[in-house]
């Protein structure tokens, strides 16, 4: 099927004829939206060690040995790929040791804090 159209470009009119080719027209495929990132939780060993969930840089340490913490209290802030993540206490306890300091680069699984 042929259709005729008049198109005006910069004041000049043009008549064009458009032929529909065989096959059905379709809208372009739409990809699924990207998954929503979920905040990582620290890996906790049986001994009470809080470990780095991903490689990154320690921006701030909020606790020191002897401090008492409750679940979800801030232990430190870890920057991974320009995103700041709060590393929180997974349980109530006392800070036995802090294994990192601000500015230090850590690897996935590296011990950050020991709780007792």
N, C-alpha and C. Protein backbone atom coordinates (compact mmCIF):
# COMPACT_ATOMS: atom_id res chain seq x y z
N UNK A 1 0.84 -1.17 0.00
CA UNK A 1 0.00 0.00 0.00
C UNK A 1 0.89 1.24 0.00
N UNK A 2 0.58 2.15 -0.89
CA UNK A 2 1.36 3.39 -0.99
C UNK A 2 0.54 4.53 -0.42
N UNK A 3 1.23 5.43 0.27
CA UNK A 3 0.57 6.61 0.83
C UNK A 3 1.39 7.83 0.44
N UNK A 4 0.69 8.94 0.21
CA UNK A 4 1.36 10.17 -0.19
C UNK A 4 1.30 11.16 0.97
N UNK A 5 2.41 11.87 1.15
CA UNK A 5 2.50 12.87 2.22
C UNK A 5 3.13 14.14 1.66
N UNK A 6 2.77 15.28 2.25
CA UNK A 6 3.40 16.55 1.91
C UNK A 6 4.23 16.95 3.14
N UNK A 7 5.51 17.20 2.93
CA UNK A 7 6.42 17.56 4.01
C UNK A 7 7.01 18.93 3.69
N UNK A 8 7.04 19.81 4.70
CA UNK A 8 7.63 21.13 4.52
C UNK A 8 8.88 21.21 5.39
N UNK A 9 10.01 21.51 4.75
CA UNK A 9 11.29 21.63 5.45
C UNK A 9 11.87 22.98 5.11
N UNK A 10 12.09 23.82 6.13
CA UNK A 10 12.66 25.15 5.96
C UNK A 10 11.95 25.94 4.87
N UNK A 11 10.61 25.88 4.88
CA UNK A 11 9.82 26.66 3.93
C UNK A 11 9.61 26.01 2.58
N UNK A 12 10.27 24.92 2.26
CA UNK A 12 10.10 24.24 0.98
C UNK A 12 9.19 23.03 1.18
N UNK A 13 8.20 22.89 0.31
CA UNK A 13 7.28 21.75 0.38
C UNK A 13 7.75 20.64 -0.54
N UNK A 14 7.58 19.45 -0.05
CA UNK A 14 7.95 18.26 -0.81
C UNK A 14 6.79 17.27 -0.72
N UNK A 15 6.49 16.63 -1.83
CA UNK A 15 5.52 15.55 -1.81
C UNK A 15 6.29 14.26 -1.88
N UNK A 16 5.96 13.37 -0.95
CA UNK A 16 6.65 12.08 -0.91
C UNK A 16 5.62 10.97 -0.93
N UNK A 17 6.05 9.84 -1.45
CA UNK A 17 5.21 8.66 -1.49
C UNK A 17 5.91 7.59 -0.66
N UNK A 18 5.17 7.00 0.27
CA UNK A 18 5.74 5.99 1.17
C UNK A 18 5.01 4.68 0.93
N UNK A 19 5.78 3.63 0.75
CA UNK A 19 5.19 2.31 0.52
C UNK A 19 5.40 1.46 1.77
N UNK A 20 4.31 0.87 2.24
CA UNK A 20 4.38 -0.02 3.41
C UNK A 20 4.88 -1.37 2.93
N UNK A 21 5.94 -1.86 3.56
CA UNK A 21 6.51 -3.14 3.17
C UNK A 21 5.77 -4.28 3.86
N UNK A 22 5.93 -5.47 3.35
CA UNK A 22 5.28 -6.64 3.94
C UNK A 22 5.77 -6.85 5.36
N UNK A 23 4.93 -7.42 6.18
CA UNK A 23 5.29 -7.66 7.58
C UNK A 23 4.59 -6.67 8.46
N UNK A 24 4.54 -6.99 9.70
CA UNK A 24 3.85 -6.13 10.65
C UNK A 24 4.82 -5.16 11.30
N UNK A 25 4.34 -3.98 11.50
CA UNK A 25 5.14 -3.00 12.23
C UNK A 25 5.06 -3.32 13.71
N UNK A 26 6.14 -3.09 14.39
CA UNK A 26 6.12 -3.36 15.83
C UNK A 26 6.92 -2.29 16.56
N UNK A 27 6.55 -2.11 17.80
CA UNK A 27 7.27 -1.16 18.64
C UNK A 27 8.60 -1.78 19.04
N UNK A 28 9.60 -0.96 19.27
CA UNK A 28 10.88 -1.52 19.71
C UNK A 28 10.73 -2.25 21.04
N UNK A 29 11.52 -3.29 21.21
CA UNK A 29 11.47 -4.05 22.46
C UNK A 29 11.95 -3.19 23.62
N UNK A 30 11.29 -3.33 24.74
CA UNK A 30 11.66 -2.58 25.94
C UNK A 30 12.31 -3.55 26.91
N UNK A 31 13.52 -3.22 27.33
CA UNK A 31 14.20 -4.11 28.27
C UNK A 31 13.65 -3.91 29.67
N UNK A 32 13.81 -4.92 30.49
CA UNK A 32 13.35 -4.85 31.87
C UNK A 32 14.16 -3.80 32.62
N UNK A 33 13.56 -3.14 33.60
CA UNK A 33 14.32 -2.14 34.37
C UNK A 33 15.45 -2.81 35.15
N UNK A 34 16.49 -2.04 35.38
CA UNK A 34 17.63 -2.56 36.15
C UNK A 34 17.17 -2.91 37.56
N UNK A 35 17.72 -3.96 38.15
CA UNK A 35 17.32 -4.32 39.51
C UNK A 35 17.72 -3.23 40.49
N UNK A 36 16.91 -3.06 41.50
CA UNK A 36 17.19 -2.07 42.54
C UNK A 36 18.30 -2.59 43.43
N UNK A 37 19.38 -1.80 43.63
CA UNK A 37 20.46 -2.29 44.48
C UNK A 37 19.98 -2.46 45.92
N UNK A 38 20.46 -3.49 46.55
CA UNK A 38 20.11 -3.77 47.93
C UNK A 38 21.35 -3.53 48.78
N UNK A 39 21.16 -2.89 49.92
CA UNK A 39 22.29 -2.61 50.79
C UNK A 39 22.89 -3.93 51.27
N UNK A 40 24.19 -4.05 51.14
CA UNK A 40 24.88 -5.25 51.59
C UNK A 40 24.91 -5.30 53.10
N UNK A 41 24.88 -6.50 53.63
CA UNK A 41 25.03 -6.66 55.07
C UNK A 41 26.39 -7.26 55.32
N UNK A 42 27.01 -6.93 56.43
CA UNK A 42 28.33 -7.47 56.70
C UNK A 42 28.29 -8.97 56.92
N UNK A 43 29.38 -9.62 56.56
CA UNK A 43 29.53 -11.04 56.80
C UNK A 43 30.00 -11.21 58.24
N UNK A 44 29.30 -11.99 59.02
CA UNK A 44 29.66 -12.16 60.42
C UNK A 44 30.10 -13.60 60.65
N UNK A 45 31.29 -13.78 61.17
CA UNK A 45 31.79 -15.12 61.49
C UNK A 45 31.28 -15.52 62.87
N UNK A 46 31.41 -16.79 63.20
CA UNK A 46 30.96 -17.29 64.49
C UNK A 46 31.66 -16.56 65.64
N UNK A 47 32.90 -16.18 65.44
CA UNK A 47 33.67 -15.52 66.50
C UNK A 47 33.23 -14.07 66.72
N UNK A 48 32.25 -13.57 65.95
CA UNK A 48 31.78 -12.21 66.13
C UNK A 48 32.54 -11.18 65.32
N UNK A 49 33.24 -11.62 64.29
CA UNK A 49 33.95 -10.67 63.44
C UNK A 49 33.01 -10.11 62.38
N UNK A 50 33.01 -8.80 62.25
CA UNK A 50 32.26 -8.15 61.17
C UNK A 50 33.25 -7.97 60.04
N UNK A 51 32.89 -8.48 58.86
CA UNK A 51 33.80 -8.46 57.72
C UNK A 51 33.27 -7.56 56.61
N UNK A 52 34.17 -7.10 55.77
CA UNK A 52 33.81 -6.21 54.66
C UNK A 52 32.93 -6.95 53.65
N UNK A 53 31.76 -6.38 53.31
CA UNK A 53 30.88 -7.01 52.33
C UNK A 53 31.37 -6.83 50.89
N UNK A 54 32.28 -5.87 50.68
CA UNK A 54 32.81 -5.58 49.34
C UNK A 54 34.13 -4.83 49.50
N UNK A 55 34.95 -4.80 48.46
CA UNK A 55 36.18 -4.03 48.55
C UNK A 55 35.85 -2.54 48.57
N UNK A 56 36.66 -1.76 49.26
CA UNK A 56 36.42 -0.32 49.31
C UNK A 56 37.37 0.39 50.24
N UNK A 57 37.01 1.61 50.58
CA UNK A 57 37.84 2.47 51.43
C UNK A 57 37.05 2.83 52.68
N UNK A 58 37.68 2.71 53.84
CA UNK A 58 37.06 3.08 55.10
C UNK A 58 37.06 4.61 55.19
N UNK A 59 35.87 5.20 55.28
CA UNK A 59 35.76 6.65 55.38
C UNK A 59 35.75 7.11 56.83
N UNK A 60 35.10 6.31 57.70
CA UNK A 60 34.99 6.73 59.10
C UNK A 60 34.81 5.51 59.98
N UNK A 61 35.50 5.51 61.12
CA UNK A 61 35.32 4.48 62.13
C UNK A 61 34.60 5.14 63.30
N UNK A 62 33.44 4.57 63.68
CA UNK A 62 32.60 5.20 64.70
C UNK A 62 32.72 4.56 66.08
N UNK A 63 33.53 3.50 66.21
CA UNK A 63 33.66 2.80 67.49
C UNK A 63 35.12 2.60 67.85
N UNK A 64 35.34 2.24 69.12
CA UNK A 64 36.70 1.91 69.58
C UNK A 64 36.58 0.74 70.54
N UNK A 65 37.68 0.03 70.79
CA UNK A 65 37.62 -1.10 71.71
C UNK A 65 37.03 -0.67 73.06
N UNK A 66 36.15 -1.53 73.58
CA UNK A 66 35.49 -1.26 74.86
C UNK A 66 34.11 -0.65 74.72
N UNK A 67 33.79 -0.09 73.55
CA UNK A 67 32.45 0.49 73.33
C UNK A 67 31.39 -0.61 73.33
N UNK A 68 30.23 -0.31 73.93
CA UNK A 68 29.08 -1.22 73.88
C UNK A 68 28.22 -0.80 72.69
N UNK A 69 27.74 -1.78 71.94
CA UNK A 69 26.89 -1.50 70.78
C UNK A 69 25.63 -2.36 70.83
N UNK A 70 24.60 -1.85 70.19
CA UNK A 70 23.34 -2.57 70.03
C UNK A 70 23.17 -2.92 68.56
N UNK A 71 22.26 -3.83 68.24
CA UNK A 71 22.03 -4.15 66.83
C UNK A 71 21.72 -2.87 66.03
N UNK A 72 22.31 -2.76 64.87
CA UNK A 72 22.13 -1.66 63.92
C UNK A 72 22.86 -0.37 64.32
N UNK A 73 23.65 -0.38 65.40
CA UNK A 73 24.49 0.78 65.71
C UNK A 73 25.56 0.89 64.63
N UNK A 74 25.92 2.12 64.27
CA UNK A 74 26.94 2.35 63.25
C UNK A 74 28.31 1.94 63.78
N UNK A 75 29.01 1.10 63.02
CA UNK A 75 30.39 0.72 63.35
C UNK A 75 31.36 1.55 62.53
N UNK A 76 31.11 1.61 61.21
CA UNK A 76 31.98 2.38 60.33
C UNK A 76 31.27 2.65 59.01
N UNK A 77 31.88 3.51 58.21
CA UNK A 77 31.34 3.84 56.89
C UNK A 77 32.36 3.37 55.85
N UNK A 78 31.88 2.58 54.89
CA UNK A 78 32.72 2.01 53.84
C UNK A 78 32.27 2.59 52.50
N UNK A 79 33.23 3.11 51.72
CA UNK A 79 32.91 3.62 50.38
C UNK A 79 33.28 2.57 49.36
N UNK A 80 32.29 2.17 48.56
CA UNK A 80 32.53 1.22 47.47
C UNK A 80 31.97 1.83 46.19
N UNK A 81 32.79 1.99 45.19
CA UNK A 81 32.39 2.56 43.90
C UNK A 81 31.63 3.88 44.08
N UNK A 82 32.16 4.77 44.89
CA UNK A 82 31.60 6.11 45.14
C UNK A 82 30.29 6.09 45.93
N UNK A 83 29.91 4.94 46.49
CA UNK A 83 28.69 4.83 47.30
C UNK A 83 29.11 4.57 48.73
N UNK A 84 28.57 5.37 49.65
CA UNK A 84 28.87 5.19 51.07
C UNK A 84 27.90 4.20 51.68
N UNK A 85 28.43 3.16 52.34
CA UNK A 85 27.61 2.15 52.99
C UNK A 85 27.86 2.16 54.48
N UNK A 86 26.78 2.11 55.24
CA UNK A 86 26.89 2.01 56.70
C UNK A 86 27.13 0.55 57.05
N UNK A 87 28.17 0.29 57.81
CA UNK A 87 28.39 -1.05 58.34
C UNK A 87 27.91 -1.00 59.78
N UNK A 88 26.88 -1.79 60.07
CA UNK A 88 26.22 -1.73 61.37
C UNK A 88 26.48 -2.98 62.19
N UNK A 89 26.32 -2.84 63.50
CA UNK A 89 26.49 -3.97 64.41
C UNK A 89 25.38 -4.99 64.14
N UNK A 90 25.75 -6.26 63.93
CA UNK A 90 24.74 -7.28 63.66
C UNK A 90 24.06 -7.78 64.93
N UNK A 91 24.66 -7.44 66.09
CA UNK A 91 24.14 -7.93 67.38
C UNK A 91 24.63 -7.00 68.48
N UNK A 92 24.06 -7.14 69.65
CA UNK A 92 24.54 -6.38 70.81
C UNK A 92 25.85 -6.99 71.28
N UNK A 93 26.73 -6.16 71.81
CA UNK A 93 27.99 -6.67 72.32
C UNK A 93 28.95 -5.55 72.65
N UNK A 94 30.18 -5.94 72.92
CA UNK A 94 31.25 -5.00 73.23
C UNK A 94 32.31 -5.12 72.15
N UNK A 95 32.83 -3.98 71.72
CA UNK A 95 33.88 -3.99 70.69
C UNK A 95 35.17 -4.50 71.33
N UNK A 96 35.63 -5.64 70.83
CA UNK A 96 36.89 -6.21 71.34
C UNK A 96 38.08 -5.61 70.58
N UNK A 97 37.92 -5.44 69.26
CA UNK A 97 39.02 -4.90 68.45
C UNK A 97 38.48 -4.23 67.20
N UNK A 98 39.16 -3.18 66.77
CA UNK A 98 38.88 -2.53 65.49
C UNK A 98 40.11 -2.79 64.63
N UNK A 99 39.92 -3.47 63.51
CA UNK A 99 41.05 -3.92 62.69
C UNK A 99 41.41 -2.97 61.55
N UNK A 100 40.67 -1.87 61.41
CA UNK A 100 40.91 -0.93 60.30
C UNK A 100 40.89 0.50 60.82
N UNK A 101 41.36 1.41 59.98
CA UNK A 101 41.31 2.83 60.34
C UNK A 101 40.83 3.63 59.13
N UNK A 102 40.39 4.86 59.36
CA UNK A 102 39.90 5.72 58.28
C UNK A 102 40.99 5.89 57.22
N UNK A 103 40.58 5.81 55.97
CA UNK A 103 41.51 5.97 54.85
C UNK A 103 42.08 4.65 54.34
N UNK A 104 41.90 3.59 55.10
CA UNK A 104 42.44 2.28 54.72
C UNK A 104 41.58 1.63 53.64
N UNK A 105 42.22 0.93 52.71
CA UNK A 105 41.52 0.17 51.69
C UNK A 105 41.37 -1.26 52.18
N UNK A 106 40.16 -1.82 52.01
CA UNK A 106 39.89 -3.19 52.47
C UNK A 106 39.39 -4.04 51.32
N UNK A 107 39.51 -5.34 51.48
CA UNK A 107 39.05 -6.31 50.49
C UNK A 107 37.82 -7.05 51.02
N UNK A 108 37.05 -7.63 50.13
CA UNK A 108 35.87 -8.41 50.51
C UNK A 108 36.28 -9.49 51.51
N UNK A 109 35.53 -9.57 52.61
CA UNK A 109 35.78 -10.60 53.62
C UNK A 109 36.82 -10.23 54.66
N UNK A 110 37.48 -9.09 54.50
CA UNK A 110 38.49 -8.67 55.47
C UNK A 110 37.82 -8.31 56.78
N UNK A 111 38.42 -8.73 57.91
CA UNK A 111 37.89 -8.41 59.24
C UNK A 111 37.96 -6.92 59.49
N UNK A 112 36.84 -6.35 59.93
CA UNK A 112 36.77 -4.92 60.23
C UNK A 112 36.73 -4.68 61.73
N UNK A 113 35.83 -5.39 62.41
CA UNK A 113 35.61 -5.20 63.85
C UNK A 113 35.33 -6.57 64.47
N UNK A 114 35.80 -6.78 65.70
CA UNK A 114 35.47 -8.00 66.43
C UNK A 114 34.58 -7.62 67.60
N UNK A 115 33.43 -8.31 67.71
CA UNK A 115 32.46 -8.11 68.80
C UNK A 115 32.48 -9.30 69.73
N UNK A 116 32.31 -9.05 71.03
CA UNK A 116 32.15 -10.15 72.00
C UNK A 116 30.91 -9.90 72.82
